[in-house]
């Protein structure tokens, strides 16, 4: 390999590395398992007091009844009827799991 070919190889390798680095830099942080409220939950409580009933409008248009509570020094809307957790098992109409051995 001639010197010009070596320079070209080094230049192309550097260019390839420079083009791929941003893909790694934009990688979202790893989840710690702790869920954080959406921005709309904070916005709904901006002018409310702790314990106030509010309605949170989510990005896809759904409205959720919620109550403002403190979370790490900021008021945030917590849903009055949170969605079921994955793998949580069957729930009755009232959102409570049926008791084992009870009527069905």
N, C-alpha and C. Protein backbone atom coordinates (compact mmCIF):
# COMPACT_ATOMS: atom_id res chain seq x y z
N UNK A 1 0.85 -1.17 0.00
CA UNK A 1 0.00 0.00 0.00
C UNK A 1 0.90 1.24 0.00
N UNK A 2 0.58 2.18 -0.83
CA UNK A 2 1.38 3.40 -0.91
C UNK A 2 0.95 4.36 0.19
N UNK A 3 1.74 5.39 0.37
CA UNK A 3 1.46 6.39 1.40
C UNK A 3 0.14 7.09 1.11
N UNK A 4 -0.15 7.39 -0.14
CA UNK A 4 -1.42 8.03 -0.48
C UNK A 4 -2.60 7.13 -0.13
N UNK A 5 -2.46 5.83 -0.35
CA UNK A 5 -3.53 4.90 -0.01
C UNK A 5 -3.69 4.81 1.52
N UNK A 6 -2.57 4.86 2.25
CA UNK A 6 -2.64 4.82 3.72
C UNK A 6 -3.35 6.06 4.25
N UNK A 7 -3.00 7.23 3.69
CA UNK A 7 -3.65 8.47 4.12
C UNK A 7 -5.15 8.42 3.83
N UNK A 8 -5.49 7.92 2.65
CA UNK A 8 -6.90 7.83 2.27
C UNK A 8 -7.64 6.88 3.21
N UNK A 9 -7.02 5.77 3.56
CA UNK A 9 -7.62 4.78 4.46
C UNK A 9 -7.84 5.40 5.85
N UNK A 10 -6.84 6.11 6.34
CA UNK A 10 -6.95 6.76 7.65
C UNK A 10 -8.03 7.84 7.61
N UNK A 11 -8.06 8.62 6.54
CA UNK A 11 -9.05 9.67 6.39
C UNK A 11 -10.47 9.09 6.36
N UNK A 12 -10.68 8.04 5.58
CA UNK A 12 -12.00 7.42 5.48
C UNK A 12 -12.40 6.78 6.81
N UNK A 13 -11.46 6.16 7.52
CA UNK A 13 -11.76 5.57 8.83
C UNK A 13 -12.19 6.64 9.82
N UNK A 14 -11.48 7.75 9.82
CA UNK A 14 -11.83 8.86 10.71
C UNK A 14 -13.18 9.45 10.37
N UNK A 15 -13.47 9.58 9.08
CA UNK A 15 -14.75 10.10 8.64
C UNK A 15 -15.89 9.17 9.05
N UNK A 16 -15.69 7.89 8.88
CA UNK A 16 -16.69 6.90 9.27
C UNK A 16 -16.94 6.96 10.78
N UNK A 17 -15.89 7.07 11.56
CA UNK A 17 -16.02 7.17 13.01
C UNK A 17 -16.76 8.45 13.39
N UNK A 18 -16.43 9.56 12.76
CA UNK A 18 -17.08 10.84 13.06
C UNK A 18 -18.56 10.80 12.71
N UNK A 19 -18.93 10.07 11.67
CA UNK A 19 -20.34 9.99 11.27
C UNK A 19 -21.15 9.07 12.17
N UNK A 20 -20.52 8.08 12.79
CA UNK A 20 -21.25 7.14 13.63
C UNK A 20 -21.35 7.59 15.08
N UNK A 21 -20.48 8.45 15.55
CA UNK A 21 -20.51 8.89 16.95
C UNK A 21 -21.82 9.57 17.34
N UNK A 22 -22.39 10.45 16.52
CA UNK A 22 -23.66 11.07 16.93
C UNK A 22 -24.78 10.06 17.18
N UNK A 23 -24.78 8.96 16.51
CA UNK A 23 -25.81 7.95 16.73
C UNK A 23 -25.74 7.42 18.16
N UNK A 24 -24.54 7.31 18.70
CA UNK A 24 -24.39 6.84 20.07
C UNK A 24 -24.67 7.96 21.07
N UNK A 25 -24.39 9.18 20.71
CA UNK A 25 -24.61 10.31 21.61
C UNK A 25 -26.09 10.57 21.82
N UNK A 26 -26.94 10.29 20.82
CA UNK A 26 -28.37 10.53 20.93
C UNK A 26 -29.12 9.39 21.61
N UNK A 27 -28.41 8.38 22.04
CA UNK A 27 -29.05 7.24 22.68
C UNK A 27 -29.72 7.68 23.98
N UNK A 28 -31.00 7.35 24.18
CA UNK A 28 -31.67 7.76 25.41
C UNK A 28 -31.05 7.07 26.62
N UNK A 29 -31.14 7.70 27.78
CA UNK A 29 -30.55 7.10 28.97
C UNK A 29 -31.27 5.79 29.32
N UNK A 30 -30.54 4.89 29.93
CA UNK A 30 -31.12 3.62 30.34
C UNK A 30 -32.16 3.88 31.41
N UNK A 31 -33.25 3.12 31.36
CA UNK A 31 -34.31 3.29 32.35
C UNK A 31 -33.89 2.70 33.67
N UNK A 32 -34.15 3.42 34.73
CA UNK A 32 -33.79 2.95 36.06
C UNK A 32 -34.94 2.17 36.68
N UNK A 33 -36.05 2.03 35.96
CA UNK A 33 -37.21 1.34 36.50
C UNK A 33 -38.19 2.31 37.14
N UNK A 34 -37.75 3.52 37.45
CA UNK A 34 -38.62 4.52 38.06
C UNK A 34 -39.32 5.29 36.95
N UNK A 35 -40.65 5.25 36.97
CA UNK A 35 -41.42 5.98 35.96
C UNK A 35 -41.57 7.43 36.41
N UNK A 36 -41.55 8.33 35.46
CA UNK A 36 -41.74 9.74 35.76
C UNK A 36 -43.03 10.22 35.11
N UNK A 37 -43.71 11.16 35.75
CA UNK A 37 -44.96 11.67 35.18
C UNK A 37 -44.71 12.42 33.88
N UNK A 38 -45.70 12.41 32.98
CA UNK A 38 -45.56 13.18 31.75
C UNK A 38 -45.64 14.67 32.04
N UNK A 39 -45.11 15.51 31.17
CA UNK A 39 -45.15 16.97 31.39
C UNK A 39 -46.56 17.49 31.64
N UNK A 40 -47.56 16.88 31.01
CA UNK A 40 -48.95 17.33 31.18
C UNK A 40 -49.41 17.19 32.63
N UNK A 41 -48.87 16.22 33.36
CA UNK A 41 -49.25 16.03 34.76
C UNK A 41 -48.76 17.19 35.63
N UNK A 42 -47.60 17.75 35.28
CA UNK A 42 -47.10 18.92 36.01
C UNK A 42 -47.88 20.17 35.61
N UNK A 43 -48.14 20.32 34.32
CA UNK A 43 -48.84 21.49 33.80
C UNK A 43 -50.23 21.61 34.43
N UNK A 44 -50.92 20.49 34.60
CA UNK A 44 -52.28 20.50 35.14
C UNK A 44 -52.33 21.06 36.56
N UNK A 45 -51.23 20.97 37.31
CA UNK A 45 -51.22 21.42 38.70
C UNK A 45 -50.50 22.75 38.90
N UNK A 46 -50.10 23.42 37.82
CA UNK A 46 -49.33 24.66 37.95
C UNK A 46 -50.04 25.72 38.78
N UNK A 47 -51.35 25.84 38.62
CA UNK A 47 -52.08 26.87 39.35
C UNK A 47 -53.07 26.25 40.34
N UNK A 48 -52.78 25.07 40.83
CA UNK A 48 -53.65 24.37 41.76
C UNK A 48 -52.93 24.12 43.08
N UNK A 49 -53.70 23.78 44.09
CA UNK A 49 -53.14 23.47 45.40
C UNK A 49 -53.07 21.95 45.57
N UNK A 50 -52.30 21.50 46.54
CA UNK A 50 -52.23 20.07 46.84
C UNK A 50 -53.63 19.59 47.20
N UNK A 51 -54.04 18.48 46.65
CA UNK A 51 -55.35 17.92 46.91
C UNK A 51 -56.42 18.37 45.93
N UNK A 52 -56.09 19.31 45.05
CA UNK A 52 -57.06 19.81 44.08
C UNK A 52 -57.35 18.76 43.01
N UNK A 53 -58.60 18.71 42.57
CA UNK A 53 -58.99 17.82 41.47
C UNK A 53 -58.74 18.56 40.17
N UNK A 54 -58.08 17.90 39.23
CA UNK A 54 -57.77 18.50 37.94
C UNK A 54 -58.04 17.48 36.84
N UNK A 55 -58.05 17.95 35.61
CA UNK A 55 -58.17 17.07 34.45
C UNK A 55 -56.89 17.21 33.64
N UNK A 56 -56.27 16.09 33.34
CA UNK A 56 -55.04 16.08 32.54
C UNK A 56 -55.42 15.64 31.13
N UNK A 57 -55.05 16.43 30.14
CA UNK A 57 -55.28 16.06 28.75
C UNK A 57 -53.97 15.54 28.19
N UNK A 58 -53.96 14.27 27.83
CA UNK A 58 -52.76 13.61 27.33
C UNK A 58 -52.55 13.94 25.85
N UNK A 59 -51.33 13.74 25.34
CA UNK A 59 -51.01 14.10 23.96
C UNK A 59 -51.93 13.46 22.91
N UNK A 60 -52.43 12.26 23.16
CA UNK A 60 -53.29 11.61 22.17
C UNK A 60 -54.76 12.01 22.33
N UNK A 61 -55.05 13.02 23.23
CA UNK A 61 -56.38 13.58 23.35
C UNK A 61 -57.23 13.04 24.49
N UNK A 62 -56.79 11.98 25.16
CA UNK A 62 -57.56 11.41 26.26
C UNK A 62 -57.49 12.33 27.48
N UNK A 63 -58.62 12.51 28.17
CA UNK A 63 -58.66 13.30 29.39
C UNK A 63 -58.74 12.36 30.58
N UNK A 64 -57.96 12.66 31.62
CA UNK A 64 -57.88 11.81 32.80
C UNK A 64 -58.14 12.65 34.03
N UNK A 65 -59.08 12.21 34.89
CA UNK A 65 -59.33 12.88 36.16
C UNK A 65 -58.18 12.55 37.10
N UNK A 66 -57.67 13.58 37.79
CA UNK A 66 -56.50 13.39 38.64
C UNK A 66 -56.56 14.30 39.86
N UNK A 67 -55.67 14.06 40.80
CA UNK A 67 -55.54 14.87 42.00
C UNK A 67 -54.10 15.33 42.12
N UNK A 68 -53.90 16.62 42.46
CA UNK A 68 -52.55 17.17 42.60
C UNK A 68 -51.95 16.72 43.92
N UNK A 69 -50.74 16.17 43.84
CA UNK A 69 -50.00 15.75 45.03
C UNK A 69 -48.54 16.16 44.86
N UNK A 70 -47.84 16.25 45.99
CA UNK A 70 -46.43 16.62 45.97
C UNK A 70 -45.58 15.44 45.53
N UNK A 71 -44.65 15.71 44.65
CA UNK A 71 -43.67 14.71 44.22
C UNK A 71 -42.33 15.41 44.11
N UNK A 72 -41.45 15.14 45.02
CA UNK A 72 -40.11 15.73 45.03
C UNK A 72 -40.16 17.26 45.02
N UNK A 73 -41.09 17.83 45.79
CA UNK A 73 -41.16 19.28 45.92
C UNK A 73 -41.97 19.99 44.86
N UNK A 74 -42.58 19.25 43.94
CA UNK A 74 -43.43 19.86 42.89
C UNK A 74 -44.79 19.18 42.91
N UNK A 75 -45.82 19.97 42.60
CA UNK A 75 -47.15 19.38 42.48
C UNK A 75 -47.29 18.70 41.14
N UNK A 76 -47.86 17.51 41.18
CA UNK A 76 -48.05 16.73 39.96
C UNK A 76 -49.40 16.03 40.06
N UNK A 77 -50.07 15.88 38.93
CA UNK A 77 -51.38 15.23 38.89
C UNK A 77 -51.22 13.71 38.87
N UNK A 78 -51.83 13.06 39.87
CA UNK A 78 -51.85 11.60 39.92
C UNK A 78 -53.25 11.15 39.50
N UNK A 79 -53.36 10.21 38.57
CA UNK A 79 -54.68 9.76 38.11
C UNK A 79 -55.53 9.23 39.26
N UNK A 80 -56.82 9.58 39.25
CA UNK A 80 -57.73 9.05 40.26
C UNK A 80 -57.96 7.56 40.07
N UNK A 81 -57.92 7.10 38.83
CA UNK A 81 -58.06 5.67 38.50
C UNK A 81 -56.88 5.28 37.63
N UNK A 82 -55.74 4.93 38.26
CA UNK A 82 -54.57 4.61 37.45
C UNK A 82 -54.81 3.39 36.57
N UNK A 83 -54.15 3.34 35.42
CA UNK A 83 -54.30 2.18 34.54
C UNK A 83 -53.75 0.93 35.22
N UNK A 84 -54.28 -0.25 34.89
CA UNK A 84 -53.77 -1.47 35.51
C UNK A 84 -52.32 -1.72 35.12
N UNK A 85 -51.59 -2.32 36.02
CA UNK A 85 -50.19 -2.67 35.73
C UNK A 85 -50.17 -3.92 34.89
N UNK A 86 -49.13 -4.04 34.08
CA UNK A 86 -48.97 -5.24 33.26
C UNK A 86 -48.79 -6.44 34.16
N UNK A 87 -49.51 -7.51 33.88
CA UNK A 87 -49.36 -8.73 34.66
C UNK A 87 -50.05 -8.63 36.01
N UNK A 88 -50.92 -7.64 36.19
CA UNK A 88 -51.57 -7.45 37.48
C UNK A 88 -52.73 -8.38 37.73
N UNK A 89 -53.12 -9.18 36.75
CA UNK A 89 -54.21 -10.10 36.95
C UNK A 89 -55.54 -9.44 36.67
N UNK A 90 -56.62 -10.22 36.77
CA UNK A 90 -57.95 -9.69 36.46
C UNK A 90 -58.42 -8.71 37.52
N UNK A 91 -59.23 -7.75 37.10
CA UNK A 91 -59.80 -6.76 38.00
C UNK A 91 -61.31 -6.72 37.78
N UNK A 92 -62.03 -6.43 38.82
CA UNK A 92 -63.48 -6.27 38.72
C UNK A 92 -63.81 -4.90 38.16
N UNK A 93 -65.11 -4.61 38.05
CA UNK A 93 -65.54 -3.31 37.53
C UNK A 93 -65.07 -2.17 38.41
N UNK A 94 -64.91 -2.44 39.72
CA UNK A 94 -64.48 -1.40 40.65
C UNK A 94 -62.97 -1.24 40.67
N UNK A 95 -62.25 -1.99 39.85
CA UNK A 95 -60.79 -1.90 39.80
C UNK A 95 -60.07 -2.72 40.83
N UNK A 96 -60.82 -3.46 41.65
CA UNK A 96 -60.22 -4.27 42.72
C UNK A 96 -60.14 -5.72 42.25
N UNK A 97 -59.03 -6.38 42.56
CA UNK A 97 -58.86 -7.77 42.18
C UNK A 97 -59.81 -8.63 43.00
N UNK A 98 -60.45 -9.63 42.35
CA UNK A 98 -61.34 -10.51 43.10
C UNK A 98 -60.56 -11.32 44.11
N UNK A 99 -61.21 -11.63 45.24
CA UNK A 99 -60.52 -12.41 46.28
C UNK A 99 -60.42 -13.86 45.85
N UNK A 100 -59.34 -14.50 46.29
CA UNK A 100 -59.12 -15.91 45.95
C UNK A 100 -60.21 -16.76 46.58
N UNK A 101 -60.78 -17.65 45.81
CA UNK A 101 -61.80 -18.56 46.33
C UNK A 101 -63.16 -17.91 46.46
N UNK A 102 -63.28 -16.64 46.09
CA UNK A 102 -64.57 -15.94 46.22
C UNK A 102 -65.45 -16.23 45.02
N UNK A 103 -66.65 -15.61 45.05
CA UNK A 103 -67.59 -15.80 43.95
C UNK A 103 -67.06 -15.11 42.68
N UNK A 104 -67.45 -15.67 41.55
CA UNK A 104 -67.04 -15.07 40.29
C UNK A 104 -68.23 -14.74 39.45
